[in-house]
């Protein structure tokens, strides 16, 4: 073994220098997207928080400081309470439904061989369809007077339904649209999660005499936990911010009959660009941000399963 010549940098030091150079390069490449994220995400959040402390109306010359008055007004705002309840109902109905359907369809697609790509494309097509276009088609389908759905019900001898014009049916109809649009994304997620599970686990379970349900309960479900957590968290955030489908399903009556489809995001829009009350709309935005953050933290804490090495 030869000694390192004098004046020559030892190999470990050279590796450390290379590693530091790689780290600096990585941070340099991350700087631009990080700056974009701070400007687009964090900065508007802080500006909304500041604006919520003012009586900020773009039609007024003065924007007086009101402190927490906008937040106190929220506690007495019945329409905000209705929007909050509707948003919670959207989330409670939509998230479990789209996850359950996505998992079942993914399991079924994993068993077929013929035309597998075609089936996947069919399920994924609604997800890449423009939301506005899908909402307008959905509005026509469920029109009480001219919709083909009521025509089919009449042919089957069933009474016609009011759907989007009914305070009791408008919200479930909207949930059906959102679930239909997001189903393809859920299917793709679960197909990827299922493909990542080694087949040797199922072969060993089959040798041990495990039934299909036992294999699903002991192998598939636990190993799909990261996919399920991601699906639950992203789905919940999407439903809590639901806006486009609600607006375009009933464009002439945003929020549906008697406010039955009103969401918090739509109420923010109405306050900000309908009444130009930017301060009050910002207060609602801050509250919605807090709700989403709290629910996300709780979901990540209680849904994520940790396995000991």
C-alpha atoms as a PDB file:
ATOM      1  CA  UNK A   1       0.000   0.000   0.000  1.00  0.00           C
ATOM      2  CA  UNK A   2       1.539   3.293  -1.108  1.00  0.00           C
ATOM      3  CA  UNK A   3       1.431   6.483   0.881  1.00  0.00           C
ATOM      4  CA  UNK A   4      -0.467   9.479  -0.438  1.00  0.00           C
ATOM      5  CA  UNK A   5       2.060  11.872  -2.066  1.00  0.00           C
ATOM      6  CA  UNK A   6       2.594  15.196  -0.445  1.00  0.00           C
ATOM      7  CA  UNK A   7       0.400  17.987  -1.821  1.00  0.00           C
ATOM      8  CA  UNK A   8      -2.185  15.514  -3.092  1.00  0.00           C
ATOM      9  CA  UNK A   9      -5.722  15.835  -1.691  1.00  0.00           C
ATOM     10  CA  UNK A  10      -6.742  12.631   0.126  1.00  0.00           C
ATOM     11  CA  UNK A  11      -9.560  10.728  -1.528  1.00  0.00           C
ATOM     12  CA  UNK A  12     -12.089  11.097   1.354  1.00  0.00           C
ATOM     13  CA  UNK A  13     -11.656  14.886   1.291  1.00  0.00           C
ATOM     14  CA  UNK A  14     -12.208  14.951  -2.455  1.00  0.00           C
ATOM     15  CA  UNK A  15     -15.413  12.965  -2.047  1.00  0.00           C
ATOM     16  CA  UNK A  16     -16.615  15.349   0.657  1.00  0.00           C
ATOM     17  CA  UNK A  17     -15.874  18.307  -1.608  1.00  0.00           C
ATOM     18  CA  UNK A  18     -17.788  16.671  -4.475  1.00  0.00           C
ATOM     19  CA  UNK A  19     -20.729  15.979  -2.160  1.00  0.00           C
ATOM     20  CA  UNK A  20     -20.818  19.609  -1.006  1.00  0.00           C
ATOM     21  CA  UNK A  21     -20.731  20.741  -4.616  1.00  0.00           C
ATOM     22  CA  UNK A  22     -23.664  18.454  -5.455  1.00  0.00           C
ATOM     23  CA  UNK A  23     -25.644  19.785  -2.502  1.00  0.00           C
ATOM     24  CA  UNK A  24     -25.010  23.400  -3.570  1.00  0.00           C
ATOM     25  CA  UNK A  25     -26.063  22.548  -7.126  1.00  0.00           C
ATOM     26  CA  UNK A  26     -29.236  20.867  -5.894  1.00  0.00           C
ATOM     27  CA  UNK A  27     -30.182  23.916  -3.804  1.00  0.00           C
ATOM     28  CA  UNK A  28     -29.446  26.167  -6.769  1.00  0.00           C
ATOM     29  CA  UNK A  29     -31.870  24.222  -8.959  1.00  0.00           C
ATOM     30  CA  UNK A  30     -34.465  24.241  -6.145  1.00  0.00           C
ATOM     31  CA  UNK A  31     -34.160  27.983  -5.630  1.00  0.00           C
ATOM     32  CA  UNK A  32     -36.370  28.996  -8.563  1.00  0.00           C
ATOM     33  CA  UNK A  33     -39.334  26.676  -7.803  1.00  0.00           C
ATOM     34  CA  UNK A  34     -38.986  27.538  -4.109  1.00  0.00           C
ATOM     35  CA  UNK A  35     -39.146  31.255  -4.891  1.00  0.00           C
ATOM     36  CA  UNK A  36     -42.143  30.636  -7.137  1.00  0.00           C
ATOM     37  CA  UNK A  37     -43.868  28.680  -4.361  1.00  0.00           C
ATOM     38  CA  UNK A  38     -43.199  31.423  -1.801  1.00  0.00           C
ATOM     39  CA  UNK A  39     -44.486  34.167  -4.116  1.00  0.00           C
ATOM     40  CA  UNK A  40     -47.570  32.257  -5.310  1.00  0.00           C
ATOM     41  CA  UNK A  41     -48.502  30.466  -2.067  1.00  0.00           C
ATOM     42  CA  UNK A  42     -47.044  32.014   1.067  1.00  0.00           C
ATOM     43  CA  UNK A  43     -47.110  35.681   0.101  1.00  0.00           C
ATOM     44  CA  UNK A  44     -50.836  35.744  -0.853  1.00  0.00           C
ATOM     45  CA  UNK A  45     -51.612  33.923   2.401  1.00  0.00           C
ATOM     46  CA  UNK A  46     -49.882  36.564   4.493  1.00  0.00           C
ATOM     47  CA  UNK A  47     -51.504  39.348   2.447  1.00  0.00           C
ATOM     48  CA  UNK A  48     -54.933  37.752   2.984  1.00  0.00           C
ATOM     49  CA  UNK A  49     -54.242  37.549   6.715  1.00  0.00           C
ATOM     50  CA  UNK A  50     -53.320  41.237   6.776  1.00  0.00           C
ATOM     51  CA  UNK A  51     -56.300  42.227   4.632  1.00  0.00           C
ATOM     52  CA  UNK A  52     -58.694  40.347   6.920  1.00  0.00           C
ATOM     53  CA  UNK A  53     -57.910  42.861   9.673  1.00  0.00           C
ATOM     54  CA  UNK A  54     -59.260  45.771   7.589  1.00  0.00           C
ATOM     55  CA  UNK A  55     -62.644  46.825   6.285  1.00  0.00           C
ATOM     56  CA  UNK A  56     -61.211  46.455   2.802  1.00  0.00           C
ATOM     57  CA  UNK A  57     -63.722  47.439   0.146  1.00  0.00           C
ATOM     58  CA  UNK A  58     -62.423  48.386  -3.300  1.00  0.00           C
ATOM     59  CA  UNK A  59     -65.341  50.812  -3.757  1.00  0.00           C
ATOM     60  CA  UNK A  60     -64.249  52.867  -0.732  1.00  0.00           C
ATOM     61  CA  UNK A  61     -61.361  55.292  -0.557  1.00  0.00           C
ATOM     62  CA  UNK A  62     -60.524  54.467   3.071  1.00  0.00           C
ATOM     63  CA  UNK A  63     -59.679  50.969   4.318  1.00  0.00           C
ATOM     64  CA  UNK A  64     -59.999  51.319   8.114  1.00  0.00           C
ATOM     65  CA  UNK A  65     -58.406  48.858  10.496  1.00  0.00           C
ATOM     66  CA  UNK A  66     -61.099  46.781  12.241  1.00  0.00           C
ATOM     67  CA  UNK A  67     -59.014  44.145  13.990  1.00  0.00           C
ATOM     68  CA  UNK A  68     -60.925  40.902  14.515  1.00  0.00           C
ATOM     69  CA  UNK A  69     -64.347  42.334  13.625  1.00  0.00           C
ATOM     70  CA  UNK A  70     -64.479  40.368  10.361  1.00  0.00           C
ATOM     71  CA  UNK A  71     -63.915  37.147  12.295  1.00  0.00           C
ATOM     72  CA  UNK A  72     -66.582  38.058  14.833  1.00  0.00           C
ATOM     73  CA  UNK A  73     -68.977  38.678  11.978  1.00  0.00           C
ATOM     74  CA  UNK A  74     -68.312  35.169  10.699  1.00  0.00           C
ATOM     75  CA  UNK A  75     -69.662  33.717  13.936  1.00  0.00           C
ATOM     76  CA  UNK A  76     -73.006  35.434  13.289  1.00  0.00           C
ATOM     77  CA  UNK A  77     -73.156  34.849   9.530  1.00  0.00           C
ATOM     78  CA  UNK A  78     -75.819  32.199   8.881  1.00  0.00           C
ATOM     79  CA  UNK A  79     -74.882  31.928   5.208  1.00  0.00           C
ATOM     80  CA  UNK A  80     -71.270  31.190   6.067  1.00  0.00           C
ATOM     81  CA  UNK A  81     -72.475  28.507   8.457  1.00  0.00           C
ATOM     82  CA  UNK A  82     -74.566  26.993   5.670  1.00  0.00           C
ATOM     83  CA  UNK A  83     -71.615  27.073   3.274  1.00  0.00           C
ATOM     84  CA  UNK A  84     -69.436  25.396   5.909  1.00  0.00           C
ATOM     85  CA  UNK A  85     -72.000  22.647   6.499  1.00  0.00           C
ATOM     86  CA  UNK A  86     -72.412  22.063   2.766  1.00  0.00           C
ATOM     87  CA  UNK A  87     -68.647  21.869   2.288  1.00  0.00           C
ATOM     88  CA  UNK A  88     -68.361  19.352   5.120  1.00  0.00           C
ATOM     89  CA  UNK A  89     -71.175  17.297   3.571  1.00  0.00           C
ATOM     90  CA  UNK A  90     -69.457  17.357   0.163  1.00  0.00           C
ATOM     91  CA  UNK A  91     -66.279  16.048   1.789  1.00  0.00           C
ATOM     92  CA  UNK A  92     -67.960  13.368   3.913  1.00  0.00           C
ATOM     93  CA  UNK A  93     -69.926  12.032   0.953  1.00  0.00           C
ATOM     94  CA  UNK A  94     -67.443  12.467  -1.875  1.00  0.00           C
ATOM     95  CA  UNK A  95     -64.067  11.398  -0.484  1.00  0.00           C
ATOM     96  CA  UNK A  96     -65.037   7.921   0.835  1.00  0.00           C
ATOM     97  CA  UNK A  97     -67.188   7.246  -2.235  1.00  0.00           C
ATOM     98  CA  UNK A  98     -64.518   8.049  -4.806  1.00  0.00           C
ATOM     99  CA  UNK A  99     -61.834   6.146  -2.880  1.00  0.00           C
ATOM    100  CA  UNK A 100     -64.016   3.045  -2.455  1.00  0.00           C
ATOM    101  CA  UNK A 101     -65.067   3.027  -6.104  1.00  0.00           C
ATOM    102  CA  UNK A 102     -61.519   3.703  -7.280  1.00  0.00           C
ATOM    103  CA  UNK A 103     -60.121   0.817  -5.242  1.00  0.00           C
ATOM    104  CA  UNK A 104     -62.813  -1.636  -6.358  1.00  0.00           C
ATOM    105  CA  UNK A 105     -62.382  -0.722 -10.037  1.00  0.00           C
ATOM    106  CA  UNK A 106     -58.584  -0.925  -9.747  1.00  0.00           C
ATOM    107  CA  UNK A 107     -58.854  -4.406  -8.226  1.00  0.00           C
ATOM    108  CA  UNK A 108     -61.159  -5.504 -11.050  1.00  0.00           C
ATOM    109  CA  UNK A 109     -58.944  -3.997 -13.759  1.00  0.00           C
ATOM    110  CA  UNK A 110     -55.973  -5.806 -12.266  1.00  0.00           C
ATOM    111  CA  UNK A 111     -57.670  -9.125 -12.956  1.00  0.00           C
ATOM    112  CA  UNK A 112     -58.394  -8.614 -16.651  1.00  0.00           C
ATOM    113  CA  UNK A 113     -55.957  -8.978 -19.516  1.00  0.00           C
ATOM    114  CA  UNK A 114     -57.941  -8.178 -22.671  1.00  0.00           C
ATOM    115  CA  UNK A 115     -58.386  -4.484 -23.525  1.00  0.00           C
ATOM    116  CA  UNK A 116     -56.851  -3.415 -20.214  1.00  0.00           C
ATOM    117  CA  UNK A 117     -55.471  -0.191 -21.712  1.00  0.00           C
ATOM    118  CA  UNK A 118     -58.834   0.699 -23.224  1.00  0.00           C
ATOM    119  CA  UNK A 119     -60.639   0.296 -19.904  1.00  0.00           C
ATOM    120  CA  UNK A 120     -58.069   2.455 -18.147  1.00  0.00           C
ATOM    121  CA  UNK A 121     -58.411   5.167 -20.780  1.00  0.00           C
ATOM    122  CA  UNK A 122     -62.212   5.110 -20.475  1.00  0.00           C
ATOM    123  CA  UNK A 123     -62.079   5.585 -16.712  1.00  0.00           C
ATOM    124  CA  UNK A 124     -59.382   8.271 -16.915  1.00  0.00           C
ATOM    125  CA  UNK A 125     -61.078  10.308 -19.666  1.00  0.00           C
ATOM    126  CA  UNK A 126     -63.439  12.252 -17.342  1.00  0.00           C
ATOM    127  CA  UNK A 127     -60.477  13.408 -15.249  1.00  0.00           C
ATOM    128  CA  UNK A 128     -58.826  15.149 -18.215  1.00  0.00           C
ATOM    129  CA  UNK A 129     -62.136  16.575 -19.461  1.00  0.00           C
ATOM    130  CA  UNK A 130     -62.436  20.348 -18.835  1.00  0.00           C
ATOM    131  CA  UNK A 131     -64.427  20.850 -15.650  1.00  0.00           C
ATOM    132  CA  UNK A 132     -66.612  23.604 -17.112  1.00  0.00           C
ATOM    133  CA  UNK A 133     -67.554  21.517 -20.147  1.00  0.00           C
ATOM    134  CA  UNK A 134     -68.351  18.498 -17.984  1.00  0.00           C
ATOM    135  CA  UNK A 135     -70.511  20.609 -15.657  1.00  0.00           C
ATOM    136  CA  UNK A 136     -72.527  22.056 -18.547  1.00  0.00           C
ATOM    137  CA  UNK A 137     -73.106  18.576 -20.025  1.00  0.00           C
ATOM    138  CA  UNK A 138     -74.074  17.294 -16.578  1.00  0.00           C
ATOM    139  CA  UNK A 139     -76.512  20.197 -16.229  1.00  0.00           C
ATOM    140  CA  UNK A 140     -78.177  19.199 -19.498  1.00  0.00           C
ATOM    141  CA  UNK A 141     -78.311  15.515 -18.555  1.00  0.00           C
ATOM    142  CA  UNK A 142     -80.102  16.235 -15.286  1.00  0.00           C
ATOM    143  CA  UNK A 143     -82.352  19.031 -16.530  1.00  0.00           C
ATOM    144  CA  UNK A 144     -85.862  18.441 -15.104  1.00  0.00           C
ATOM    145  CA  UNK A 145     -87.551  19.488 -18.370  1.00  0.00           C
ATOM    146  CA  UNK A 146     -85.222  18.349 -21.157  1.00  0.00           C
ATOM    147  CA  UNK A 147     -82.693  16.007 -19.548  1.00  0.00           C
ATOM    148  CA  UNK A 148     -82.293  12.472 -20.903  1.00  0.00           C
ATOM    149  CA  UNK A 149     -82.032  11.088 -17.355  1.00  0.00           C
ATOM    150  CA  UNK A 150     -85.649  12.012 -16.639  1.00  0.00           C
ATOM    151  CA  UNK A 151     -86.603  10.663 -20.067  1.00  0.00           C
ATOM    152  CA  UNK A 152     -85.127   7.290 -19.108  1.00  0.00           C
ATOM    153  CA  UNK A 153     -86.909   7.403 -15.755  1.00  0.00           C
ATOM    154  CA  UNK A 154     -90.194   8.070 -17.556  1.00  0.00           C
ATOM    155  CA  UNK A 155     -89.614   5.114 -19.892  1.00  0.00           C
ATOM    156  CA  UNK A 156     -88.969   2.943 -16.853  1.00  0.00           C
ATOM    157  CA  UNK A 157     -92.241   4.070 -15.295  1.00  0.00           C
ATOM    158  CA  UNK A 158     -90.544   6.106 -12.563  1.00  0.00           C
ATOM    159  CA  UNK A 159     -91.519   9.669 -11.624  1.00  0.00           C
ATOM    160  CA  UNK A 160     -89.256  12.483 -12.903  1.00  0.00           C
ATOM    161  CA  UNK A 161     -86.837  14.055 -10.455  1.00  0.00           C
ATOM    162  CA  UNK A 162     -85.952  17.692  -9.888  1.00  0.00           C
ATOM    163  CA  UNK A 163     -82.224  17.044  -9.408  1.00  0.00           C
ATOM    164  CA  UNK A 164     -80.389  20.401  -9.607  1.00  0.00           C
ATOM    165  CA  UNK A 165     -83.537  22.444  -8.952  1.00  0.00           C
ATOM    166  CA  UNK A 166     -84.333  20.613  -5.714  1.00  0.00           C
ATOM    167  CA  UNK A 167     -82.801  21.779  -2.416  1.00  0.00           C
ATOM    168  CA  UNK A 168     -82.581  18.124  -1.318  1.00  0.00           C
ATOM    169  CA  UNK A 169     -81.194  16.631  -4.534  1.00  0.00           C
ATOM    170  CA  UNK A 170     -78.890  19.382  -5.810  1.00  0.00           C
ATOM    171  CA  UNK A 171     -75.987  18.618  -3.489  1.00  0.00           C
ATOM    172  CA  UNK A 172     -75.962  14.809  -4.062  1.00  0.00           C
ATOM    173  CA  UNK A 173     -76.139  15.463  -7.817  1.00  0.00           C
ATOM    174  CA  UNK A 174     -73.118  17.749  -7.563  1.00  0.00           C
ATOM    175  CA  UNK A 175     -71.263  15.136  -5.517  1.00  0.00           C
ATOM    176  CA  UNK A 176     -72.000  12.580  -8.253  1.00  0.00           C
ATOM    177  CA  UNK A 177     -70.382  14.868 -10.842  1.00  0.00           C
ATOM    178  CA  UNK A 178     -67.243  15.427  -8.772  1.00  0.00           C
ATOM    179  CA  UNK A 179     -66.894  11.721  -7.969  1.00  0.00           C
ATOM    180  CA  UNK A 180     -67.355  10.823 -11.640  1.00  0.00           C
ATOM    181  CA  UNK A 181     -64.649  13.289 -12.673  1.00  0.00           C
ATOM    182  CA  UNK A 182     -62.125  12.247 -10.022  1.00  0.00           C
ATOM    183  CA  UNK A 183     -62.727   8.506 -10.283  1.00  0.00           C
ATOM    184  CA  UNK A 184     -60.190   7.977 -13.062  1.00  0.00           C
ATOM    185  CA  UNK A 185     -57.425   9.597 -11.020  1.00  0.00           C
ATOM    186  CA  UNK A 186     -58.232   7.351  -8.067  1.00  0.00           C
ATOM    187  CA  UNK A 187     -58.162   4.274 -10.306  1.00  0.00           C
ATOM    188  CA  UNK A 188     -54.722   5.188 -11.658  1.00  0.00           C
ATOM    189  CA  UNK A 189     -53.414   5.808  -8.127  1.00  0.00           C
ATOM    190  CA  UNK A 190     -54.608   2.443  -6.855  1.00  0.00           C
ATOM    191  CA  UNK A 191     -53.384   0.616  -9.952  1.00  0.00           C
ATOM    192  CA  UNK A 192     -49.909   2.022  -9.278  1.00  0.00           C
ATOM    193  CA  UNK A 193     -50.155   1.093  -5.607  1.00  0.00           C
ATOM    194  CA  UNK A 194     -51.281  -2.449  -6.399  1.00  0.00           C
ATOM    195  CA  UNK A 195     -48.497  -2.888  -8.956  1.00  0.00           C
ATOM    196  CA  UNK A 196     -45.920  -1.994  -6.280  1.00  0.00           C
ATOM    197  CA  UNK A 197     -46.984  -4.895  -4.025  1.00  0.00           C
ATOM    198  CA  UNK A 198     -44.707  -7.928  -4.644  1.00  0.00           C
ATOM    199  CA  UNK A 199     -46.584 -10.910  -6.056  1.00  0.00           C
ATOM    200  CA  UNK A 200     -44.586 -13.239  -3.808  1.00  0.00           C
ATOM    201  CA  UNK A 201     -46.697 -12.086  -0.851  1.00  0.00           C
ATOM    202  CA  UNK A 202     -49.867 -13.328  -2.514  1.00  0.00           C
ATOM    203  CA  UNK A 203     -48.205 -16.568  -3.592  1.00  0.00           C
ATOM    204  CA  UNK A 204     -47.100 -17.245  -0.023  1.00  0.00           C
ATOM    205  CA  UNK A 205     -50.585 -16.452   1.267  1.00  0.00           C
ATOM    206  CA  UNK A 206     -52.113 -18.810  -1.277  1.00  0.00           C
ATOM    207  CA  UNK A 207     -49.748 -21.593  -0.201  1.00  0.00           C
ATOM    208  CA  UNK A 208     -50.803 -21.008   3.405  1.00  0.00           C
ATOM    209  CA  UNK A 209     -54.443 -21.387   2.366  1.00  0.00           C
ATOM    210  CA  UNK A 210     -55.511 -17.753   2.762  1.00  0.00           C
ATOM    211  CA  UNK A 211     -58.772 -16.729   1.114  1.00  0.00           C
ATOM    212  CA  UNK A 212     -59.101 -13.744  -1.199  1.00  0.00           C
ATOM    213  CA  UNK A 213     -60.591 -11.611   1.565  1.00  0.00           C
ATOM    214  CA  UNK A 214     -57.820 -12.587   3.988  1.00  0.00           C
ATOM    215  CA  UNK A 215     -55.160 -11.684   1.409  1.00  0.00           C
ATOM    216  CA  UNK A 216     -56.820  -8.333   0.812  1.00  0.00           C
ATOM    217  CA  UNK A 217     -57.163  -7.621   4.534  1.00  0.00           C
ATOM    218  CA  UNK A 218     -53.669  -8.757   5.537  1.00  0.00           C
ATOM    219  CA  UNK A 219     -51.628  -7.808   2.464  1.00  0.00           C
ATOM    220  CA  UNK A 220     -53.356  -5.448   0.037  1.00  0.00           C
ATOM    221  CA  UNK A 221     -54.961  -3.034   2.491  1.00  0.00           C
ATOM    222  CA  UNK A 222     -51.916  -2.493   4.773  1.00  0.00           C
ATOM    223  CA  UNK A 223     -49.474  -2.124   1.878  1.00  0.00           C
ATOM    224  CA  UNK A 224     -51.787   0.338   0.129  1.00  0.00           C
ATOM    225  CA  UNK A 225     -51.667   2.648   3.154  1.00  0.00           C
ATOM    226  CA  UNK A 226     -49.394   5.294   1.531  1.00  0.00           C
ATOM    227  CA  UNK A 227     -51.672   5.413  -1.518  1.00  0.00           C
ATOM    228  CA  UNK A 228     -54.798   5.624   0.632  1.00  0.00           C
ATOM    229  CA  UNK A 229     -53.337   8.404   2.796  1.00  0.00           C
ATOM    230  CA  UNK A 230     -52.339  10.402  -0.292  1.00  0.00           C
ATOM    231  CA  UNK A 231     -55.789   9.882  -1.821  1.00  0.00           C
ATOM    232  CA  UNK A 232     -57.634  10.874   1.367  1.00  0.00           C
ATOM    233  CA  UNK A 233     -55.538  14.000   1.965  1.00  0.00           C
ATOM    234  CA  UNK A 234     -55.611  15.308  -1.609  1.00  0.00           C
ATOM    235  CA  UNK A 235     -59.289  14.407  -2.016  1.00  0.00           C
ATOM    236  CA  UNK A 236     -60.249  16.189   1.205  1.00  0.00           C
ATOM    237  CA  UNK A 237     -58.360  19.329   0.193  1.00  0.00           C
ATOM    238  CA  UNK A 238     -60.037  19.299  -3.234  1.00  0.00           C
ATOM    239  CA  UNK A 239     -63.536  18.960  -1.758  1.00  0.00           C
ATOM    240  CA  UNK A 240     -62.928  21.657   0.856  1.00  0.00           C
ATOM    241  CA  UNK A 241     -61.962  23.997  -2.008  1.00  0.00           C
ATOM    242  CA  UNK A 242     -64.812  22.919  -4.304  1.00  0.00           C
ATOM    243  CA  UNK A 243     -65.814  25.768  -6.601  1.00  0.00           C
ATOM    244  CA  UNK A 244     -65.870  25.259 -10.375  1.00  0.00           C
ATOM    245  CA  UNK A 245     -68.422  22.440 -10.533  1.00  0.00           C
ATOM    246  CA  UNK A 246     -70.799  24.241  -8.183  1.00  0.00           C
ATOM    247  CA  UNK A 247     -70.666  27.486 -10.165  1.00  0.00           C
ATOM    248  CA  UNK A 248     -71.184  25.926 -13.588  1.00  0.00           C
ATOM    249  CA  UNK A 249     -73.824  23.350 -12.686  1.00  0.00           C
ATOM    250  CA  UNK A 250     -76.279  26.137 -11.943  1.00  0.00           C
ATOM    251  CA  UNK A 251     -74.755  29.269 -13.430  1.00  0.00           C
ATOM    252  CA  UNK A 252     -77.906  31.402 -13.122  1.00  0.00           C
ATOM    253  CA  UNK A 253     -78.367  30.460  -9.456  1.00  0.00           C
ATOM    254  CA  UNK A 254     -74.877  30.061  -8.012  1.00  0.00           C
ATOM    255  CA  UNK A 255     -75.110  28.141  -4.785  1.00  0.00           C
ATOM    256  CA  UNK A 256     -78.161  26.185  -5.873  1.00  0.00           C
ATOM    257  CA  UNK A 257     -81.773  26.440  -4.685  1.00  0.00           C
ATOM    258  CA  UNK A 258     -81.918  27.961  -1.175  1.00  0.00           C
ATOM    259  CA  UNK A 259     -78.116  27.826  -1.043  1.00  0.00           C
ATOM    260  CA  UNK A 260     -78.163  24.022  -0.963  1.00  0.00           C
ATOM    261  CA  UNK A 261     -74.930  23.654  -2.981  1.00  0.00           C
ATOM    262  CA  UNK A 262     -73.101  26.739  -1.663  1.00  0.00           C
ATOM    263  CA  UNK A 263     -69.479  26.070  -0.675  1.00  0.00           C
ATOM    264  CA  UNK A 264     -67.025  28.125   1.337  1.00  0.00           C
ATOM    265  CA  UNK A 265     -64.903  28.809  -1.765  1.00  0.00           C
ATOM    266  CA  UNK A 266     -67.961  30.037  -3.670  1.00  0.00           C
ATOM    267  CA  UNK A 267     -69.001  32.228  -0.734  1.00  0.00           C
ATOM    268  CA  UNK A 268     -65.516  33.784  -0.740  1.00  0.00           C
ATOM    269  CA  UNK A 269     -65.954  34.555  -4.428  1.00  0.00           C
ATOM    270  CA  UNK A 270     -69.378  36.102  -3.844  1.00  0.00           C
ATOM    271  CA  UNK A 271     -68.112  38.306  -1.014  1.00  0.00           C
ATOM    272  CA  UNK A 272     -64.961  39.395  -2.857  1.00  0.00           C
ATOM    273  CA  UNK A 273     -66.256  39.959  -6.388  1.00  0.00           C
ATOM    274  CA  UNK A 274     -69.980  40.309  -5.805  1.00  0.00           C
ATOM    275  CA  UNK A 275     -70.010  42.668  -2.831  1.00  0.00           C
ATOM    276  CA  UNK A 276     -66.342  43.776  -3.177  1.00  0.00           C
ATOM    277  CA  UNK A 277     -65.851  43.095   0.532  1.00  0.00           C
ATOM    278  CA  UNK A 278     -62.259  41.952   0.275  1.00  0.00           C
ATOM    279  CA  UNK A 279     -61.577  42.177   3.997  1.00  0.00           C
ATOM    280  CA  UNK A 280     -64.447  39.892   4.912  1.00  0.00           C
ATOM    281  CA  UNK A 281     -63.611  37.495   2.050  1.00  0.00           C
ATOM    282  CA  UNK A 282     -60.005  37.390   3.268  1.00  0.00           C
ATOM    283  CA  UNK A 283     -61.194  36.479   6.769  1.00  0.00           C
ATOM    284  CA  UNK A 284     -63.158  33.550   5.310  1.00  0.00           C
ATOM    285  CA  UNK A 285     -60.079  32.546   3.309  1.00  0.00           C
ATOM    286  CA  UNK A 286     -57.924  32.509   6.435  1.00  0.00           C
ATOM    287  CA  UNK A 287     -60.493  30.382   8.275  1.00  0.00           C
ATOM    288  CA  UNK A 288     -60.696  27.946   5.350  1.00  0.00           C
ATOM    289  CA  UNK A 289     -56.894  27.749   5.235  1.00  0.00           C
ATOM    290  CA  UNK A 290     -56.824  26.959   8.958  1.00  0.00           C
ATOM    291  CA  UNK A 291     -59.477  24.252   8.572  1.00  0.00           C
ATOM    292  CA  UNK A 292     -57.623  22.597   5.682  1.00  0.00           C
ATOM    293  CA  UNK A 293     -54.306  22.726   7.555  1.00  0.00           C
ATOM    294  CA  UNK A 294     -55.805  21.261  10.729  1.00  0.00           C
ATOM    295  CA  UNK A 295     -57.644  18.447   8.934  1.00  0.00           C
ATOM    296  CA  UNK A 296     -54.553  17.594   6.866  1.00  0.00           C
ATOM    297  CA  UNK A 297     -52.331  17.347   9.959  1.00  0.00           C
ATOM    298  CA  UNK A 298     -54.900  15.153  11.735  1.00  0.00           C
ATOM    299  CA  UNK A 299     -55.249  12.871   8.707  1.00  0.00           C
ATOM    300  CA  UNK A 300     -51.500  12.461   8.291  1.00  0.00           C
ATOM    301  CA  UNK A 301     -51.107  11.685  11.986  1.00  0.00           C
ATOM    302  CA  UNK A 302     -53.868   9.113  12.365  1.00  0.00           C
ATOM    303  CA  UNK A 303     -54.011   7.517   8.917  1.00  0.00           C
ATOM    304  CA  UNK A 304     -50.303   6.951   8.294  1.00  0.00           C
ATOM    305  CA  UNK A 305     -49.181   3.538   9.500  1.00  0.00           C
ATOM    306  CA  UNK A 306     -45.591   3.059  10.606  1.00  0.00           C
ATOM    307  CA  UNK A 307     -43.923  -0.307  10.353  1.00  0.00           C
ATOM    308  CA  UNK A 308     -40.965  -1.317  12.466  1.00  0.00           C
ATOM    309  CA  UNK A 309     -37.931  -2.456  10.540  1.00  0.00           C
END
